Amino acid sequence: MLKRSLILFLNLLRKMISKNLEISVGNIIWIIGIIFTMGIAYSQIGQLDEDIKVLEQRLEKKIKIINENADHIVELEKELARLKACE
């Protein structure tokens, strides 16, 4: 997405310069707006990467707990089977 925005920006800049060789105030505002938007997009991508890492860590903890509980359930079932066999 960032690469696409950069390509669009460069194409827009090339078209503006090729149409008239002077850069007007309106064009400068567009350029600043596009650069600002690209910065926001880049920061959002970085934040999403961090969010994914946090979610992966939380998921790993939950999987570990589930595995421990499954092992504990197996042990309890074995103990229950022994107690029933003793009766």
N, C-alpha and C. Protein backbone atom coordinates (compact mmCIF):
# COMPACT_ATOMS: atom_id res chain seq x y z
N MET A 1 0.82 -1.18 0.00
CA MET A 1 0.00 0.00 0.00
C MET A 1 0.87 1.26 0.00
N LEU A 2 1.94 1.22 0.78
CA LEU A 2 2.84 2.36 0.84
C LEU A 2 3.56 2.56 -0.49
N LYS A 3 3.97 1.46 -1.13
CA LYS A 3 4.63 1.56 -2.42
C LYS A 3 3.69 2.15 -3.46
N ARG A 4 2.44 1.72 -3.40
CA ARG A 4 1.45 2.23 -4.36
C ARG A 4 1.23 3.72 -4.15
N SER A 5 1.15 4.15 -2.90
CA SER A 5 0.98 5.58 -2.61
C SER A 5 2.17 6.38 -3.11
N LEU A 6 3.36 5.83 -2.93
CA LEU A 6 4.57 6.52 -3.39
C LEU A 6 4.57 6.64 -4.91
N ILE A 7 4.18 5.58 -5.59
CA ILE A 7 4.13 5.61 -7.06
C ILE A 7 3.10 6.64 -7.53
N LEU A 8 1.93 6.66 -6.87
CA LEU A 8 0.91 7.64 -7.24
C LEU A 8 1.41 9.06 -7.01
N PHE A 9 2.11 9.26 -5.91
CA PHE A 9 2.66 10.58 -5.60
C PHE A 9 3.66 11.02 -6.66
N LEU A 10 4.56 10.12 -7.03
CA LEU A 10 5.57 10.47 -8.02
C LEU A 10 4.94 10.73 -9.39
N ASN A 11 3.93 9.96 -9.74
CA ASN A 11 3.23 10.19 -11.01
C ASN A 11 2.53 11.55 -11.01
N LEU A 12 1.89 11.87 -9.88
CA LEU A 12 1.21 13.15 -9.76
C LEU A 12 2.21 14.30 -9.86
N LEU A 13 3.34 14.16 -9.20
CA LEU A 13 4.38 15.19 -9.23
C LEU A 13 4.92 15.35 -10.66
N ARG A 14 5.15 14.24 -11.35
CA ARG A 14 5.65 14.30 -12.72
C ARG A 14 4.65 15.00 -13.64
N LYS A 15 3.35 14.70 -13.46
CA LYS A 15 2.32 15.33 -14.29
C LYS A 15 2.24 16.83 -14.02
N MET A 16 2.34 17.20 -12.74
CA MET A 16 2.25 18.62 -12.40
C MET A 16 3.42 19.39 -13.00
N ILE A 17 4.60 18.83 -12.93
CA ILE A 17 5.78 19.51 -13.44
C ILE A 17 5.77 19.53 -14.97
N SER A 18 5.28 18.44 -15.58
CA SER A 18 5.30 18.40 -17.04
C SER A 18 4.27 19.35 -17.65
N LYS A 19 3.16 19.61 -16.96
CA LYS A 19 2.14 20.51 -17.50
C LYS A 19 2.63 21.96 -17.47
N ASN A 20 3.16 22.35 -16.36
CA ASN A 20 3.73 23.70 -16.28
C ASN A 20 4.98 23.62 -15.41
N LEU A 21 5.99 24.31 -15.81
CA LEU A 21 7.28 24.18 -15.15
C LEU A 21 7.34 24.87 -13.80
N GLU A 22 6.37 25.68 -13.48
CA GLU A 22 6.39 26.34 -12.17
C GLU A 22 5.45 25.59 -11.23
N ILE A 23 5.85 25.54 -9.99
CA ILE A 23 5.05 24.86 -8.98
C ILE A 23 4.22 25.91 -8.27
N SER A 24 2.92 25.76 -8.34
CA SER A 24 2.03 26.74 -7.72
C SER A 24 1.76 26.37 -6.27
N VAL A 25 1.13 27.29 -5.56
CA VAL A 25 0.81 27.07 -4.14
C VAL A 25 -0.15 25.89 -4.00
N GLY A 26 -1.10 25.79 -4.91
CA GLY A 26 -2.05 24.67 -4.86
C GLY A 26 -1.36 23.33 -5.00
N ASN A 27 -0.39 23.27 -5.89
CA ASN A 27 0.36 22.03 -6.08
C ASN A 27 1.19 21.69 -4.84
N ILE A 28 1.78 22.72 -4.23
CA ILE A 28 2.56 22.49 -3.01
C ILE A 28 1.66 21.95 -1.90
N ILE A 29 0.46 22.48 -1.79
CA ILE A 29 -0.48 21.98 -0.77
C ILE A 29 -0.82 20.53 -1.04
N TRP A 30 -1.03 20.16 -2.31
CA TRP A 30 -1.30 18.77 -2.66
C TRP A 30 -0.12 17.88 -2.30
N ILE A 31 1.08 18.33 -2.59
CA ILE A 31 2.28 17.54 -2.29
C ILE A 31 2.41 17.34 -0.79
N ILE A 32 2.23 18.38 -0.02
CA ILE A 32 2.31 18.27 1.45
C ILE A 32 1.23 17.34 1.97
N GLY A 33 0.03 17.45 1.42
CA GLY A 33 -1.06 16.57 1.84
C GLY A 33 -0.77 15.11 1.55
N ILE A 34 -0.22 14.85 0.39
CA ILE A 34 0.11 13.47 0.03
C ILE A 34 1.22 12.93 0.93
N ILE A 35 2.24 13.73 1.18
CA ILE A 35 3.33 13.29 2.06
C ILE A 35 2.79 13.01 3.46
N PHE A 36 1.92 13.88 3.96
CA PHE A 36 1.33 13.69 5.28
C PHE A 36 0.51 12.40 5.32
N THR A 37 -0.28 12.15 4.28
CA THR A 37 -1.09 10.93 4.22
C THR A 37 -0.22 9.69 4.17
N MET A 38 0.88 9.75 3.43
CA MET A 38 1.80 8.61 3.37
C MET A 38 2.43 8.35 4.73
N GLY A 39 2.74 9.41 5.47
CA GLY A 39 3.31 9.25 6.81
C GLY A 39 2.32 8.58 7.75
N ILE A 40 1.07 8.98 7.66
CA ILE A 40 0.03 8.36 8.49
C ILE A 40 -0.11 6.88 8.14
N ALA A 41 -0.13 6.57 6.85
CA ALA A 41 -0.25 5.17 6.42
C ALA A 41 0.93 4.35 6.93
N TYR A 42 2.12 4.90 6.85
CA TYR A 42 3.32 4.19 7.32
C TYR A 42 3.25 3.93 8.82
N SER A 43 2.81 4.90 9.60
CA SER A 43 2.72 4.71 11.05
C SER A 43 1.65 3.69 11.40
N GLN A 44 0.56 3.67 10.64
CA GLN A 44 -0.49 2.68 10.89
C GLN A 44 0.02 1.26 10.61
N ILE A 45 0.81 1.11 9.57
CA ILE A 45 1.37 -0.20 9.26
C ILE A 45 2.29 -0.66 10.39
N GLY A 46 3.11 0.26 10.91
CA GLY A 46 3.98 -0.08 12.04
C GLY A 46 3.19 -0.47 13.26
N GLN A 47 2.10 0.24 13.53
CA GLN A 47 1.26 -0.08 14.69
C GLN A 47 0.60 -1.44 14.53
N LEU A 48 0.18 -1.77 13.31
CA LEU A 48 -0.44 -3.07 13.07
C LEU A 48 0.56 -4.20 13.30
N ASP A 49 1.81 -3.99 12.93
CA ASP A 49 2.84 -5.00 13.18
C ASP A 49 2.99 -5.25 14.69
N GLU A 50 3.00 -4.18 15.46
CA GLU A 50 3.11 -4.32 16.91
C GLU A 50 1.89 -5.04 17.48
N ASP A 51 0.71 -4.69 16.99
CA ASP A 51 -0.52 -5.34 17.46
C ASP A 51 -0.50 -6.84 17.16
N ILE A 52 -0.01 -7.21 15.99
CA ILE A 52 0.06 -8.62 15.62
C ILE A 52 1.02 -9.36 16.55
N LYS A 53 2.14 -8.76 16.88
CA LYS A 53 3.10 -9.40 17.79
C LYS A 53 2.48 -9.63 19.16
N VAL A 54 1.75 -8.63 19.66
CA VAL A 54 1.11 -8.76 20.97
C VAL A 54 0.06 -9.87 20.94
N LEU A 55 -0.73 -9.90 19.88
CA LEU A 55 -1.76 -10.95 19.76
C LEU A 55 -1.14 -12.34 19.67
N GLU A 56 -0.03 -12.46 18.96
CA GLU A 56 0.64 -13.76 18.87
C GLU A 56 1.14 -14.21 20.24
N GLN A 57 1.69 -13.29 21.03
CA GLN A 57 2.18 -13.65 22.36
C GLN A 57 1.02 -14.10 23.25
N ARG A 58 -0.09 -13.36 23.18
CA ARG A 58 -1.24 -13.74 23.99
C ARG A 58 -1.79 -15.10 23.57
N LEU A 59 -1.81 -15.37 22.27
CA LEU A 59 -2.30 -16.64 21.77
C LEU A 59 -1.39 -17.78 22.22
N GLU A 60 -0.07 -17.56 22.19
CA GLU A 60 0.86 -18.59 22.64
C GLU A 60 0.65 -18.93 24.10
N LYS A 61 0.39 -17.91 24.94
CA LYS A 61 0.12 -18.15 26.36
C LYS A 61 -1.14 -18.98 26.53
N LYS A 62 -2.18 -18.65 25.78
CA LYS A 62 -3.44 -19.38 25.90
C LYS A 62 -3.29 -20.82 25.42
N ILE A 63 -2.54 -21.04 24.36
CA ILE A 63 -2.31 -22.41 23.88
C ILE A 63 -1.55 -23.21 24.92
N LYS A 64 -0.57 -22.58 25.57
CA LYS A 64 0.20 -23.26 26.61
C LYS A 64 -0.71 -23.66 27.77
N ILE A 65 -1.60 -22.77 28.18
CA ILE A 65 -2.53 -23.06 29.28
C ILE A 65 -3.47 -24.19 28.89
N ILE A 66 -3.97 -24.17 27.66
CA ILE A 66 -4.88 -25.22 27.20
C ILE A 66 -4.17 -26.57 27.21
N ASN A 67 -2.93 -26.61 26.74
CA ASN A 67 -2.17 -27.87 26.74
C ASN A 67 -1.92 -28.38 28.15
N GLU A 68 -1.60 -27.47 29.08
CA GLU A 68 -1.39 -27.87 30.47
C GLU A 68 -2.69 -28.42 31.06
N ASN A 69 -3.79 -27.77 30.77
CA ASN A 69 -5.08 -28.24 31.29
C ASN A 69 -5.45 -29.59 30.69
N ALA A 70 -5.15 -29.80 29.41
CA ALA A 70 -5.44 -31.09 28.79
C ALA A 70 -4.63 -32.19 29.46
N ASP A 71 -3.36 -31.93 29.75
CA ASP A 71 -2.53 -32.92 30.45
C ASP A 71 -3.08 -33.20 31.84
N HIS A 72 -3.53 -32.16 32.51
CA HIS A 72 -4.09 -32.33 33.86
C HIS A 72 -5.38 -33.15 33.80
N ILE A 73 -6.19 -32.93 32.79
CA ILE A 73 -7.44 -33.69 32.64
C ILE A 73 -7.12 -35.16 32.42
N VAL A 74 -6.12 -35.47 31.62
CA VAL A 74 -5.73 -36.87 31.38
C VAL A 74 -5.30 -37.52 32.69
N GLU A 75 -4.51 -36.80 33.49
CA GLU A 75 -4.08 -37.34 34.78
C GLU A 75 -5.26 -37.59 35.69
N LEU A 76 -6.21 -36.66 35.73
CA LEU A 76 -7.40 -36.83 36.57
C LEU A 76 -8.24 -38.02 36.10
N GLU A 77 -8.35 -38.21 34.80
CA GLU A 77 -9.12 -39.35 34.28
C GLU A 77 -8.45 -40.67 34.65
N LYS A 78 -7.12 -40.69 34.62
CA LYS A 78 -6.41 -41.91 35.03
C LYS A 78 -6.64 -42.18 36.51
N GLU A 79 -6.57 -41.14 37.32
CA GLU A 79 -6.79 -41.29 38.77
C GLU A 79 -8.22 -41.76 39.04
N LEU A 80 -9.17 -41.22 38.30
CA LEU A 80 -10.56 -41.63 38.46
C LEU A 80 -10.74 -43.09 38.06
N ALA A 81 -10.07 -43.52 37.01
CA ALA A 81 -10.16 -44.92 36.58
C ALA A 81 -9.56 -45.84 37.65
N ARG A 82 -8.45 -45.43 38.26
CA ARG A 82 -7.86 -46.23 39.35
C ARG A 82 -8.78 -46.32 40.54
N LEU A 83 -9.42 -45.20 40.88
CA LEU A 83 -10.34 -45.22 42.03
C LEU A 83 -11.55 -46.11 41.76
N LYS A 84 -12.07 -46.09 40.54
CA LYS A 84 -13.19 -46.97 40.20
C LYS A 84 -12.78 -48.42 40.21
N ALA A 85 -11.53 -48.69 39.82
CA ALA A 85 -11.04 -50.09 39.80
C ALA A 85 -10.89 -50.61 41.21
N CYS A 86 -10.59 -49.75 42.17
CA CYS A 86 -10.41 -50.16 43.55
C CYS A 86 -11.72 -50.49 44.23
N GLU A 87 -12.81 -49.96 43.77
CA GLU A 87 -14.11 -50.17 44.44
C GLU A 87 -14.67 -51.53 44.22
